[in-house]
Amino acid sequence: FVILGNHRDAWTFGAVDPNSGNAALLEVAQRLGELQKRGWQPRRTIILYCAIEMLRIMALNDQQNGLKRTDREILASRAVAYLNVDNAVGGPGFHASATPQLEELIKRATQKV
């Protein structure tokens, strides 16, 4: 699985966190739907999840947000990437952060844009 996630409530930065992330997730969902209507299929399952807490839930082995133990086990064994989009847009500049393995991917993607 490739998981794009965001939390529901504003922790800091008001409208930027998490609302810009929610808007980004909705846009991604719409575009993925349009691509699928044209016959495109992703190479991996893409999960759009509006709660960063999912990863904490998996780690703490609890039952919050309705995530069952079997769901945690499946996600823990099959997830290959979690992309956090809670602060998707804010301010005049561009900033991205990721694990070192994604550095080149981010560089190539931004060069195309």
N, C-alpha and C. Protein backbone atom coordinates (compact mmCIF):
# COMPACT_ATOMS: atom_id res chain seq x y z
N PHE A 1 0.82 -1.18 0.00
CA PHE A 1 0.00 0.00 0.00
C PHE A 1 0.87 1.24 0.00
N VAL A 2 0.38 2.28 -0.66
CA VAL A 2 0.92 3.63 -0.52
C VAL A 2 -0.17 4.42 0.17
N ILE A 3 0.15 5.04 1.29
CA ILE A 3 -0.85 5.72 2.09
C ILE A 3 -0.58 7.22 2.08
N LEU A 4 -1.59 8.01 1.72
CA LEU A 4 -1.53 9.46 1.84
C LEU A 4 -2.42 9.82 3.02
N GLY A 5 -1.86 10.51 4.00
CA GLY A 5 -2.62 10.74 5.21
C GLY A 5 -2.57 12.16 5.72
N ASN A 6 -3.52 12.45 6.58
CA ASN A 6 -3.68 13.76 7.17
C ASN A 6 -4.51 13.59 8.44
N HIS A 7 -4.39 14.52 9.37
CA HIS A 7 -5.23 14.46 10.55
C HIS A 7 -6.43 15.38 10.38
N ARG A 8 -7.42 15.21 11.23
CA ARG A 8 -8.69 15.94 11.08
C ARG A 8 -8.71 17.29 11.77
N ASP A 9 -7.99 17.42 12.86
CA ASP A 9 -8.12 18.63 13.66
C ASP A 9 -6.88 19.51 13.55
N ALA A 10 -7.08 20.82 13.72
CA ALA A 10 -5.98 21.77 13.64
C ALA A 10 -5.17 21.74 14.93
N TRP A 11 -3.90 21.41 14.83
CA TRP A 11 -3.00 21.42 15.98
C TRP A 11 -2.26 22.75 16.06
N THR A 12 -1.85 23.23 14.90
CA THR A 12 -1.13 24.51 14.81
C THR A 12 -1.43 25.14 13.46
N PHE A 13 -1.03 26.35 13.25
CA PHE A 13 -1.09 27.06 11.97
C PHE A 13 -2.50 27.26 11.43
N GLY A 14 -3.54 27.06 12.22
CA GLY A 14 -4.90 27.37 11.80
C GLY A 14 -5.33 26.73 10.51
N ALA A 15 -5.55 27.55 9.48
CA ALA A 15 -6.09 27.05 8.21
C ALA A 15 -5.11 26.17 7.45
N VAL A 16 -3.82 26.37 7.65
CA VAL A 16 -2.84 25.57 6.91
C VAL A 16 -2.86 24.12 7.38
N ASP A 17 -2.91 23.92 8.68
CA ASP A 17 -2.82 22.57 9.26
C ASP A 17 -4.12 22.27 9.98
N PRO A 18 -4.94 21.40 9.48
CA PRO A 18 -4.78 20.41 8.43
C PRO A 18 -5.54 20.73 7.15
N ASN A 19 -6.18 21.89 7.07
CA ASN A 19 -7.11 22.13 5.96
C ASN A 19 -6.47 22.07 4.58
N SER A 20 -5.24 22.56 4.44
CA SER A 20 -4.61 22.46 3.13
C SER A 20 -4.34 21.00 2.78
N GLY A 21 -4.06 20.19 3.79
CA GLY A 21 -3.88 18.77 3.55
C GLY A 21 -5.17 18.09 3.14
N ASN A 22 -6.28 18.47 3.79
CA ASN A 22 -7.58 17.91 3.41
C ASN A 22 -7.92 18.27 1.97
N ALA A 23 -7.66 19.52 1.59
CA ALA A 23 -7.92 19.94 0.22
C ALA A 23 -7.06 19.16 -0.76
N ALA A 24 -5.80 18.95 -0.40
CA ALA A 24 -4.90 18.18 -1.27
C ALA A 24 -5.38 16.73 -1.41
N LEU A 25 -5.80 16.11 -0.31
CA LEU A 25 -6.30 14.74 -0.38
C LEU A 25 -7.53 14.64 -1.26
N LEU A 26 -8.44 15.62 -1.15
CA LEU A 26 -9.63 15.61 -1.99
C LEU A 26 -9.29 15.75 -3.47
N GLU A 27 -8.32 16.61 -3.77
CA GLU A 27 -7.88 16.78 -5.16
C GLU A 27 -7.24 15.50 -5.70
N VAL A 28 -6.40 14.87 -4.88
CA VAL A 28 -5.78 13.61 -5.29
C VAL A 28 -6.85 12.56 -5.55
N ALA A 29 -7.83 12.46 -4.66
CA ALA A 29 -8.91 11.48 -4.84
C ALA A 29 -9.66 11.73 -6.14
N GLN A 30 -9.95 13.00 -6.42
CA GLN A 30 -10.67 13.32 -7.65
C GLN A 30 -9.84 12.95 -8.89
N ARG A 31 -8.57 13.29 -8.88
CA ARG A 31 -7.72 13.00 -10.04
C ARG A 31 -7.51 11.49 -10.22
N LEU A 32 -7.34 10.76 -9.12
CA LEU A 32 -7.20 9.30 -9.23
C LEU A 32 -8.47 8.69 -9.81
N GLY A 33 -9.62 9.21 -9.40
CA GLY A 33 -10.89 8.74 -9.95
C GLY A 33 -10.99 8.99 -11.44
N GLU A 34 -10.56 10.18 -11.88
CA GLU A 34 -10.58 10.50 -13.31
C GLU A 34 -9.64 9.59 -14.10
N LEU A 35 -8.46 9.34 -13.55
CA LEU A 35 -7.52 8.44 -14.22
C LEU A 35 -8.09 7.02 -14.34
N GLN A 36 -8.72 6.55 -13.27
CA GLN A 36 -9.29 5.20 -13.31
C GLN A 36 -10.42 5.10 -14.32
N LYS A 37 -11.20 6.16 -14.49
CA LYS A 37 -12.26 6.15 -15.51
C LYS A 37 -11.68 6.00 -16.91
N ARG A 38 -10.44 6.46 -17.10
CA ARG A 38 -9.76 6.34 -18.39
C ARG A 38 -8.98 5.04 -18.53
N GLY A 39 -9.10 4.17 -17.53
CA GLY A 39 -8.47 2.86 -17.62
C GLY A 39 -7.17 2.70 -16.88
N TRP A 40 -6.68 3.76 -16.24
CA TRP A 40 -5.43 3.66 -15.50
C TRP A 40 -5.63 2.87 -14.22
N GLN A 41 -4.66 2.04 -13.89
CA GLN A 41 -4.67 1.30 -12.63
C GLN A 41 -3.32 1.49 -11.96
N PRO A 42 -3.31 1.81 -10.67
CA PRO A 42 -2.02 1.99 -9.98
C PRO A 42 -1.30 0.65 -9.81
N ARG A 43 0.01 0.71 -9.72
CA ARG A 43 0.80 -0.50 -9.50
C ARG A 43 0.65 -1.03 -8.08
N ARG A 44 0.30 -0.14 -7.16
CA ARG A 44 0.08 -0.51 -5.76
C ARG A 44 -1.26 0.06 -5.31
N THR A 45 -1.82 -0.52 -4.27
CA THR A 45 -3.04 0.02 -3.69
C THR A 45 -2.72 1.36 -3.04
N ILE A 46 -3.54 2.36 -3.33
CA ILE A 46 -3.37 3.69 -2.76
C ILE A 46 -4.48 3.91 -1.75
N ILE A 47 -4.10 4.26 -0.53
CA ILE A 47 -5.07 4.50 0.53
C ILE A 47 -5.00 5.98 0.91
N LEU A 48 -6.13 6.66 0.85
CA LEU A 48 -6.23 8.04 1.32
C LEU A 48 -6.85 7.98 2.70
N TYR A 49 -6.12 8.45 3.70
CA TYR A 49 -6.56 8.29 5.09
C TYR A 49 -6.46 9.61 5.82
N CYS A 50 -7.56 10.06 6.36
CA CYS A 50 -7.59 11.36 7.04
C CYS A 50 -7.40 11.19 8.54
N ALA A 51 -6.24 10.71 8.94
CA ALA A 51 -5.88 10.66 10.36
C ALA A 51 -4.47 10.14 10.52
N ILE A 52 -3.55 11.03 10.82
CA ILE A 52 -2.16 10.65 11.06
C ILE A 52 -2.07 9.64 12.18
N GLU A 53 -3.04 9.67 13.08
CA GLU A 53 -3.03 8.80 14.24
C GLU A 53 -2.97 7.33 13.86
N MET A 54 -3.27 6.99 12.60
CA MET A 54 -3.26 5.59 12.17
C MET A 54 -1.91 4.93 12.48
N LEU A 55 -0.83 5.63 12.23
CA LEU A 55 0.48 5.04 12.46
C LEU A 55 0.73 4.84 13.95
N ARG A 56 0.28 5.79 14.76
CA ARG A 56 0.41 5.65 16.21
C ARG A 56 -0.43 4.48 16.69
N ILE A 57 -1.61 4.34 16.13
CA ILE A 57 -2.49 3.24 16.50
C ILE A 57 -1.82 1.90 16.20
N MET A 58 -1.21 1.81 15.03
CA MET A 58 -0.52 0.57 14.67
C MET A 58 0.59 0.28 15.67
N ALA A 59 1.32 1.32 16.07
CA ALA A 59 2.45 1.13 16.96
C ALA A 59 2.00 0.78 18.38
N LEU A 60 0.94 1.41 18.84
CA LEU A 60 0.49 1.21 20.22
C LEU A 60 -0.46 0.02 20.37
N ASN A 61 -0.92 -0.53 19.24
CA ASN A 61 -1.76 -1.73 19.28
C ASN A 61 -3.06 -1.47 20.03
N ASP A 62 -3.68 -0.30 19.80
CA ASP A 62 -4.97 -0.03 20.43
C ASP A 62 -6.09 -0.04 19.39
N GLN A 63 -7.28 0.30 19.79
CA GLN A 63 -8.45 0.16 18.94
C GLN A 63 -9.08 1.50 18.54
N GLN A 64 -8.36 2.60 18.62
CA GLN A 64 -8.96 3.90 18.29
C GLN A 64 -9.30 3.98 16.81
N ASN A 65 -10.22 4.87 16.49
CA ASN A 65 -10.65 5.16 15.12
C ASN A 65 -11.16 3.94 14.37
N GLY A 66 -11.54 2.90 15.07
CA GLY A 66 -12.13 1.74 14.42
C GLY A 66 -11.15 0.87 13.65
N LEU A 67 -9.86 1.08 13.83
CA LEU A 67 -8.87 0.27 13.14
C LEU A 67 -8.66 -1.02 13.91
N LYS A 68 -9.08 -2.12 13.35
CA LYS A 68 -9.01 -3.40 14.04
C LYS A 68 -7.59 -3.96 14.01
N ARG A 69 -7.34 -4.92 14.87
CA ARG A 69 -6.02 -5.54 14.94
C ARG A 69 -5.61 -6.11 13.60
N THR A 70 -6.52 -6.77 12.91
CA THR A 70 -6.19 -7.35 11.60
C THR A 70 -5.82 -6.26 10.60
N ASP A 71 -6.51 -5.10 10.67
CA ASP A 71 -6.16 -3.99 9.79
C ASP A 71 -4.75 -3.51 10.06
N ARG A 72 -4.39 -3.38 11.34
CA ARG A 72 -3.04 -2.94 11.72
C ARG A 72 -2.01 -3.91 11.18
N GLU A 73 -2.26 -5.20 11.34
CA GLU A 73 -1.31 -6.21 10.89
C GLU A 73 -1.13 -6.15 9.37
N ILE A 74 -2.22 -5.98 8.65
CA ILE A 74 -2.14 -5.89 7.19
C ILE A 74 -1.35 -4.65 6.78
N LEU A 75 -1.68 -3.49 7.39
CA LEU A 75 -0.96 -2.26 7.05
C LEU A 75 0.52 -2.35 7.41
N ALA A 76 0.81 -2.90 8.56
CA ALA A 76 2.21 -3.00 9.00
C ALA A 76 3.01 -3.91 8.07
N SER A 77 2.40 -4.91 7.53
CA SER A 77 3.13 -5.86 6.69
C SER A 77 3.14 -5.46 5.21
N ARG A 78 2.20 -4.62 4.77
CA ARG A 78 2.08 -4.34 3.34
C ARG A 78 2.31 -2.89 2.94
N ALA A 79 2.35 -1.96 3.89
CA ALA A 79 2.54 -0.55 3.54
C ALA A 79 3.99 -0.31 3.14
N VAL A 80 4.19 0.36 2.01
CA VAL A 80 5.55 0.66 1.55
C VAL A 80 5.90 2.14 1.74
N ALA A 81 4.87 3.00 1.84
CA ALA A 81 5.14 4.43 2.02
C ALA A 81 3.94 5.09 2.67
N TYR A 82 4.24 6.06 3.53
CA TYR A 82 3.20 6.91 4.12
C TYR A 82 3.58 8.34 3.80
N LEU A 83 2.72 9.04 3.06
CA LEU A 83 2.97 10.42 2.69
C LEU A 83 2.05 11.30 3.52
N ASN A 84 2.65 12.11 4.38
CA ASN A 84 1.91 12.99 5.27
C ASN A 84 1.67 14.32 4.56
N VAL A 85 0.41 14.68 4.38
CA VAL A 85 0.08 15.92 3.66
C VAL A 85 -0.66 16.91 4.54
N ASP A 86 -0.38 16.92 5.85
CA ASP A 86 -1.15 17.81 6.73
C ASP A 86 -0.87 19.28 6.49
N ASN A 87 0.32 19.65 6.11
CA ASN A 87 0.65 21.04 5.76
C ASN A 87 0.99 21.10 4.28
N ALA A 88 0.02 20.81 3.44
CA ALA A 88 0.28 20.72 2.00
C ALA A 88 0.62 22.07 1.38
N VAL A 89 -0.04 23.12 1.83
CA VAL A 89 0.17 24.44 1.24
C VAL A 89 0.21 25.47 2.35
N GLY A 90 1.20 26.36 2.30
CA GLY A 90 1.27 27.44 3.27
C GLY A 90 2.45 28.35 2.96
N GLY A 91 2.18 29.61 2.77
CA GLY A 91 3.26 30.57 2.52
C GLY A 91 3.67 30.63 1.07
N PRO A 92 4.62 31.53 0.77
CA PRO A 92 4.99 31.79 -0.62
C PRO A 92 6.03 30.83 -1.20
N GLY A 93 6.73 30.07 -0.37
CA GLY A 93 7.81 29.23 -0.88
C GLY A 93 7.46 27.75 -0.92
N PHE A 94 8.38 26.95 -1.44
CA PHE A 94 8.20 25.51 -1.49
C PHE A 94 9.11 24.86 -0.46
N HIS A 95 8.57 23.88 0.26
CA HIS A 95 9.35 23.13 1.23
C HIS A 95 8.83 21.70 1.24
N ALA A 96 9.74 20.77 1.22
CA ALA A 96 9.36 19.35 1.30
C ALA A 96 10.35 18.66 2.22
N SER A 97 9.89 17.67 2.92
CA SER A 97 10.77 16.86 3.75
C SER A 97 10.35 15.41 3.62
N ALA A 98 11.32 14.53 3.72
CA ALA A 98 11.05 13.10 3.57
C ALA A 98 12.23 12.31 4.09
N THR A 99 12.08 11.02 4.07
CA THR A 99 13.21 10.17 4.42
C THR A 99 14.24 10.29 3.30
N PRO A 100 15.51 10.01 3.59
CA PRO A 100 16.56 10.15 2.57
C PRO A 100 16.30 9.34 1.30
N GLN A 101 15.61 8.22 1.42
CA GLN A 101 15.34 7.39 0.25
C GLN A 101 14.47 8.10 -0.80
N LEU A 102 13.73 9.11 -0.38
CA LEU A 102 12.83 9.82 -1.30
C LEU A 102 13.42 11.12 -1.84
N GLU A 103 14.62 11.47 -1.43
CA GLU A 103 15.21 12.75 -1.83
C GLU A 103 15.28 12.92 -3.35
N GLU A 104 15.80 11.94 -4.04
CA GLU A 104 15.92 12.05 -5.50
C GLU A 104 14.56 12.10 -6.18
N LEU A 105 13.61 11.35 -5.67
CA LEU A 105 12.25 11.37 -6.22
C LEU A 105 11.64 12.76 -6.10
N ILE A 106 11.80 13.39 -4.95
CA ILE A 106 11.27 14.75 -4.75
C ILE A 106 11.96 15.73 -5.70
N LYS A 107 13.27 15.61 -5.85
CA LYS A 107 13.99 16.50 -6.77
C LYS A 107 13.48 16.35 -8.19
N ARG A 108 13.33 15.11 -8.66
CA ARG A 108 12.86 14.88 -10.04
C ARG A 108 11.44 15.39 -10.22
N ALA A 109 10.58 15.14 -9.25
CA ALA A 109 9.18 15.58 -9.36
C ALA A 109 9.07 17.09 -9.41
N THR A 110 9.83 17.79 -8.56
CA THR A 110 9.76 19.25 -8.55
C THR A 110 10.38 19.85 -9.80
N GLN A 111 11.38 19.21 -10.38
CA GLN A 111 11.97 19.70 -11.63
C GLN A 111 10.96 19.62 -12.77
N LYS A 112 10.11 18.61 -12.75
CA LYS A 112 9.08 18.47 -13.79
C LYS A 112 8.01 19.54 -13.66
N VAL A 113 7.75 19.96 -12.41
CA VAL A 113 6.73 20.98 -12.19
C VAL A 113 7.32 22.36 -12.51
